[in-house]
Amino acid sequence: MNQWYFNPILAQIGPLQIHWYGVMYALAFLAGYFYLHHSRQGKSLALTEDQKDLFLVYVIAGVLIGGRVGYILFYNLPYYLQNPLKIFAVWEGGMSFHGGLLAVMLAIILFHKKYKTQLLELCDAIAAITPLGIFFGRIGNFINGELYGRIATQFCLYFPADPQNCRYPSQLFEAFFEGFLLFTILFLIRKKNPRPGITSCAFLFFYGIFRIGVEFFREPDVQIGFLPGGITEGQLLSFGMIVMSFCLWYWLVRKPNKS
């Protein structure tokens, strides 16, 4: 039997528990730090070292606050209205990528307005490193045994939350397509030194495509299920990202020298 179980707690010191899920987020933020300070694209940003650190703080705040608020609003608002203290139980999972994306976009705009930096270059830098963060986050989901896939007969595992059914490890599918493969695509695009904004366009478009595809293997959240037409909440939100990519592309074509 392909039974999957991995202790989500890495270590415990007295009452303090260190969860793998939190470690994965820490690795994602650490990757962002090294990218901003040591990559060619990061070094090309017109920011001081201290400003880069502050920029990362803005982004981290967007990821954490937006991801949590997005999950509450998009996926499980009635539950959290009844259990408000659970809002802070982030170690139990419950982060929305799309909510985090919207909040990070707002954080970048606020940073841009305050420090008069080049907006599209900031967006491209974050877009380039985000797939690594997604990769670590999906591995965290897999360790937690959450966000698993639909019932299957092959390439499947039995997760503790549903030991009776063998399910696709859709978290690993997402880690590969939305993480590793998307990072590779953006890396190849950046090697061609595209105009500012193209990396962000590519990120929005390809993430939307990959997420819509993987959602066909992922089990919809039980409290939502399928939307009209048999689509999922994740597919609907990801379609919005594809629309955003075309809107940004159109804007770049009309104003190619603006950032």
Protein backbone atom coordinates (compact mmCIF):
# COMPACT_ATOMS: atom_id res chain seq x y z
CA MET A 1 0.00 0.00 0.00
CA ASN A 2 1.33 3.44 -0.96
CA GLN A 3 0.63 4.94 2.44
CA TRP A 4 2.04 8.45 2.91
CA TYR A 5 2.86 9.83 6.30
CA PHE A 6 5.47 12.37 7.23
CA ASN A 7 5.54 14.01 10.63
CA PRO A 8 4.73 17.68 9.94
CA ILE A 9 6.65 18.67 13.08
CA LEU A 10 10.38 18.90 12.47
CA ALA A 11 11.35 19.42 16.11
CA GLN A 12 9.85 20.31 19.46
CA ILE A 13 11.55 22.23 22.24
CA GLY A 14 9.27 22.29 25.24
CA PRO A 15 5.98 23.82 24.09
CA LEU A 16 7.64 25.23 20.96
CA GLN A 17 7.03 23.24 17.79
CA ILE A 18 8.96 23.78 14.58
CA HIS A 19 6.82 22.74 11.62
CA TRP A 20 8.16 21.68 8.25
CA TYR A 21 5.57 23.98 6.67
CA GLY A 22 7.17 27.00 8.33
CA VAL A 23 10.65 25.78 7.40
CA MET A 24 9.60 25.65 3.73
CA TYR A 25 8.40 29.24 3.90
CA ALA A 26 11.68 30.24 5.54
CA LEU A 27 13.64 28.57 2.73
CA ALA A 28 11.53 30.42 0.18
CA PHE A 29 12.24 33.77 1.80
CA LEU A 30 15.94 32.91 2.12
CA ALA A 31 16.06 32.14 -1.60
CA GLY A 32 14.50 35.55 -2.23
CA TYR A 33 17.15 37.23 -0.09
CA PHE A 34 20.04 35.62 -1.95
CA TYR A 35 18.43 36.34 -5.30
CA LEU A 36 17.99 40.05 -4.60
CA HIS A 37 21.52 40.43 -3.26
CA HIS A 38 23.58 38.08 -5.41
CA SER A 39 21.88 37.39 -8.76
CA ARG A 40 22.61 39.46 -11.85
CA GLN A 41 19.04 40.73 -11.96
CA GLY A 42 19.06 41.54 -8.26
CA LYS A 43 22.32 43.46 -8.55
CA SER A 44 20.93 45.47 -11.48
CA LEU A 45 18.09 46.90 -9.37
CA ALA A 46 18.58 50.58 -8.52
CA LEU A 47 18.38 49.86 -4.79
CA THR A 48 20.86 50.02 -1.94
CA GLU A 49 21.51 46.89 0.07
CA ASP A 50 19.35 48.22 2.89
CA GLN A 51 16.54 49.02 0.45
CA LYS A 52 16.69 45.48 -0.90
CA ASP A 53 16.24 44.14 2.62
CA LEU A 54 13.31 46.48 3.20
CA PHE A 55 11.80 45.52 -0.16
CA LEU A 56 11.95 41.87 0.88
CA VAL A 57 10.15 42.75 4.11
CA TYR A 58 7.37 44.36 2.05
CA VAL A 59 7.11 41.23 -0.09
CA ILE A 60 7.16 38.83 2.87
CA ALA A 61 4.41 40.83 4.55
CA GLY A 62 2.38 40.62 1.35
CA VAL A 63 2.87 36.86 1.07
CA LEU A 64 1.94 36.12 4.68
CA ILE A 65 -0.91 38.59 5.14
CA GLY A 66 -2.32 38.30 1.64
CA GLY A 67 -1.95 34.54 1.54
CA ARG A 68 -3.85 34.09 4.77
CA VAL A 69 -6.52 36.70 4.09
CA GLY A 70 -6.95 35.35 0.56
CA TYR A 71 -7.52 31.83 1.83
CA ILE A 72 -10.07 33.05 4.36
CA LEU A 73 -11.97 35.12 1.79
CA PHE A 74 -11.68 32.87 -1.25
CA TYR A 75 -11.93 29.43 0.32
CA ASN A 76 -13.33 29.22 3.85
CA LEU A 77 -14.91 32.44 5.13
CA PRO A 78 -17.84 30.84 7.05
CA TYR A 79 -15.47 28.57 9.02
CA TYR A 80 -13.23 31.42 10.14
CA LEU A 81 -16.19 33.60 11.05
CA GLN A 82 -17.24 30.81 13.43
CA ASN A 83 -13.67 30.11 14.61
CA PRO A 84 -11.85 33.48 14.55
CA LEU A 85 -8.88 32.27 16.62
CA LYS A 86 -8.10 29.75 13.87
CA ILE A 87 -7.20 32.67 11.64
CA PHE A 88 -3.79 32.70 13.32
CA ALA A 89 -3.19 28.92 13.12
CA VAL A 90 -1.10 29.17 9.96
CA TRP A 91 0.86 26.03 10.87
CA GLU A 92 -2.28 24.06 10.07
CA GLY A 93 -2.05 25.25 6.46
CA GLY A 94 -4.51 27.47 4.70
CA MET A 95 -2.66 29.95 2.48
CA SER A 96 -3.93 31.19 -0.86
CA PHE A 97 -1.39 31.78 -3.60
CA HIS A 98 -3.72 34.17 -5.40
CA GLY A 99 -4.35 36.17 -2.24
CA GLY A 100 -0.62 36.40 -1.65
CA LEU A 101 -0.08 37.47 -5.26
CA LEU A 102 -2.53 40.35 -4.99
CA ALA A 103 -1.02 41.52 -1.70
CA VAL A 104 2.54 41.32 -3.08
CA MET A 105 1.49 43.38 -6.09
CA LEU A 106 0.13 46.00 -3.70
CA ALA A 107 3.32 45.84 -1.61
CA ILE A 108 5.48 46.39 -4.70
CA ILE A 109 3.39 49.39 -5.75
CA LEU A 110 3.62 50.91 -2.27
CA PHE A 111 7.40 50.40 -2.20
CA HIS A 112 7.72 51.87 -5.70
CA LYS A 113 5.76 54.99 -4.77
CA LYS A 114 7.67 55.53 -1.54
CA TYR A 115 11.19 55.07 -2.94
CA LYS A 116 10.57 56.19 -6.54
CA THR A 117 11.98 52.98 -7.96
CA GLN A 118 11.36 51.37 -11.34
CA LEU A 119 8.12 49.43 -10.95
CA LEU A 120 8.43 46.83 -13.71
CA GLU A 121 11.98 45.89 -12.72
CA LEU A 122 10.77 45.21 -9.17
CA CYS A 123 7.89 43.11 -10.49
CA ASP A 124 10.21 41.13 -12.75
CA ALA A 125 12.64 40.42 -9.91
CA ILE A 126 9.88 39.01 -7.71
CA ALA A 127 8.28 37.12 -10.60
CA ALA A 128 11.62 35.47 -11.38
CA ILE A 129 12.14 34.09 -7.87
CA THR A 130 8.52 33.30 -6.98
CA PRO A 131 8.54 29.82 -8.60
CA LEU A 132 11.18 28.72 -6.09
CA GLY A 133 8.92 29.90 -3.28
CA ILE A 134 6.03 27.98 -4.85
CA PHE A 135 8.21 24.88 -5.05
CA PHE A 136 9.03 25.00 -1.34
CA GLY A 137 5.43 25.81 -0.45
CA ARG A 138 4.04 22.81 -2.34
CA ILE A 139 6.58 20.53 -0.72
CA GLY A 140 5.28 21.87 2.59
CA ASN A 141 1.73 21.01 1.51
CA PHE A 142 2.89 17.49 0.64
CA ILE A 143 4.57 17.02 4.01
CA ASN A 144 1.40 18.23 5.73
CA GLY A 145 -0.65 15.75 3.69
CA GLU A 146 -2.96 18.57 2.57
CA LEU A 147 -4.25 19.75 -0.80
CA TYR A 148 -3.93 16.24 -2.17
CA GLY A 149 -5.32 15.11 -5.51
CA ARG A 150 -8.40 13.38 -6.75
CA ILE A 151 -8.98 9.64 -6.37
CA ALA A 152 -6.81 7.68 -8.80
CA THR A 153 -5.74 4.13 -9.64
CA GLN A 154 -2.10 4.83 -10.50
CA PHE A 155 0.58 7.36 -9.53
CA CYS A 156 -1.30 7.75 -6.26
CA LEU A 157 -0.78 7.67 -2.49
CA TYR A 158 -2.95 7.10 0.58
CA PHE A 159 -2.89 10.26 2.69
CA PRO A 160 -3.66 10.25 6.44
CA ALA A 161 -6.66 12.56 5.97
CA ASP A 162 -8.28 10.00 3.64
CA PRO A 163 -6.72 6.56 4.23
CA GLN A 164 -9.45 4.77 2.25
CA ASN A 165 -8.71 6.30 -1.14
CA CYS A 166 -5.56 6.43 -3.22
CA ARG A 167 -5.08 9.96 -4.51
CA TYR A 168 -2.79 11.83 -6.88
CA PRO A 169 0.06 13.62 -5.08
CA SER A 170 -1.02 16.83 -6.80
CA GLN A 171 1.21 18.86 -4.47
CA LEU A 172 4.22 17.32 -6.24
CA PHE A 173 2.68 18.00 -9.65
CA GLU A 174 2.36 21.65 -8.65
CA ALA A 175 5.89 21.73 -7.23
CA PHE A 176 7.19 20.54 -10.59
CA PHE A 177 5.08 22.60 -13.01
CA GLU A 178 4.48 25.80 -11.01
CA GLY A 179 7.86 25.61 -9.31
CA PHE A 180 10.71 23.92 -11.15
CA LEU A 181 9.44 24.16 -14.74
CA LEU A 182 8.17 27.73 -14.39
CA PHE A 183 11.47 28.81 -12.82
CA THR A 184 13.32 27.25 -15.78
CA ILE A 185 11.10 29.00 -18.33
CA LEU A 186 11.58 32.39 -16.69
CA PHE A 187 15.35 31.78 -16.41
CA LEU A 188 15.54 31.15 -20.18
CA ILE A 189 13.47 34.26 -20.87
CA ARG A 190 15.68 36.41 -18.63
CA LYS A 191 18.81 35.21 -20.43
CA LYS A 192 17.56 37.06 -23.51
CA ASN A 193 17.44 40.34 -21.53
CA PRO A 194 13.82 41.16 -22.40
CA ARG A 195 12.29 44.59 -21.89
CA PRO A 196 11.01 45.28 -18.36
CA GLY A 197 7.67 43.63 -17.69
CA ILE A 198 8.06 40.63 -20.00
CA THR A 199 9.17 38.34 -17.17
CA SER A 200 6.10 39.34 -15.18
CA CYS A 201 3.86 38.69 -18.20
CA ALA A 202 5.37 35.25 -18.65
CA PHE A 203 4.98 34.44 -14.98
CA LEU A 204 1.29 35.36 -14.91
CA PHE A 205 0.55 33.50 -18.14
CA PHE A 206 2.44 30.27 -17.53
CA TYR A 207 1.47 29.99 -13.87
CA GLY A 208 -2.17 30.40 -14.89
CA ILE A 209 -1.84 27.69 -17.54
CA PHE A 210 -0.01 25.25 -15.27
CA ARG A 211 -2.35 25.80 -12.32
CA ILE A 212 -5.46 25.31 -14.44
CA GLY A 213 -4.00 22.06 -15.76
CA VAL A 214 -2.94 20.67 -12.39
CA GLU A 215 -6.34 21.52 -10.89
CA PHE A 216 -7.77 18.66 -12.99
CA PHE A 217 -5.79 16.32 -10.72
CA ARG A 218 -6.27 18.22 -7.45
CA GLU A 219 -9.23 17.60 -5.16
CA PRO A 220 -11.32 20.77 -4.78
CA ASP A 221 -11.66 22.14 -1.26
CA VAL A 222 -14.51 20.23 0.35
CA GLN A 223 -16.24 23.38 1.59
CA ILE A 224 -16.41 24.73 -1.99
CA GLY A 225 -16.41 21.73 -4.32
CA PHE A 226 -16.86 22.35 -8.01
CA LEU A 227 -18.16 25.64 -9.37
CA PRO A 228 -20.75 25.80 -12.16
CA GLY A 229 -19.37 24.18 -15.29
CA GLY A 230 -17.21 21.76 -13.30
CA ILE A 231 -14.35 24.20 -12.78
CA THR A 232 -12.61 24.84 -9.47
CA GLU A 233 -11.97 28.01 -7.51
CA GLY A 234 -8.26 27.68 -8.31
CA GLN A 235 -8.97 27.48 -12.04
CA LEU A 236 -11.21 30.53 -11.92
CA LEU A 237 -8.61 32.61 -10.08
CA SER A 238 -5.82 31.35 -12.37
CA PHE A 239 -7.82 32.30 -15.45
CA GLY A 240 -7.82 35.80 -14.00
CA MET A 241 -4.01 35.68 -13.99
CA ILE A 242 -3.98 34.83 -17.70
CA VAL A 243 -6.24 37.80 -18.38
CA MET A 244 -3.89 39.98 -16.32
CA SER A 245 -0.93 38.78 -18.39
CA PHE A 246 -2.61 39.86 -21.63
CA CYS A 247 -3.57 43.22 -20.12
CA LEU A 248 0.03 43.82 -19.03
CA TRP A 249 1.31 42.74 -22.44
CA TYR A 250 -1.06 45.17 -24.15
CA TRP A 251 0.09 47.97 -21.86
CA LEU A 252 3.75 47.18 -22.58
CA VAL A 253 3.15 47.23 -26.33
CA ARG A 254 1.49 50.63 -26.09
CA LYS A 255 4.04 52.08 -23.63
CA PRO A 256 7.22 50.02 -24.12
CA ASN A 257 9.50 52.53 -22.40
CA LYS A 258 7.42 53.05 -19.27
CA SER A 259 8.20 51.32 -15.94
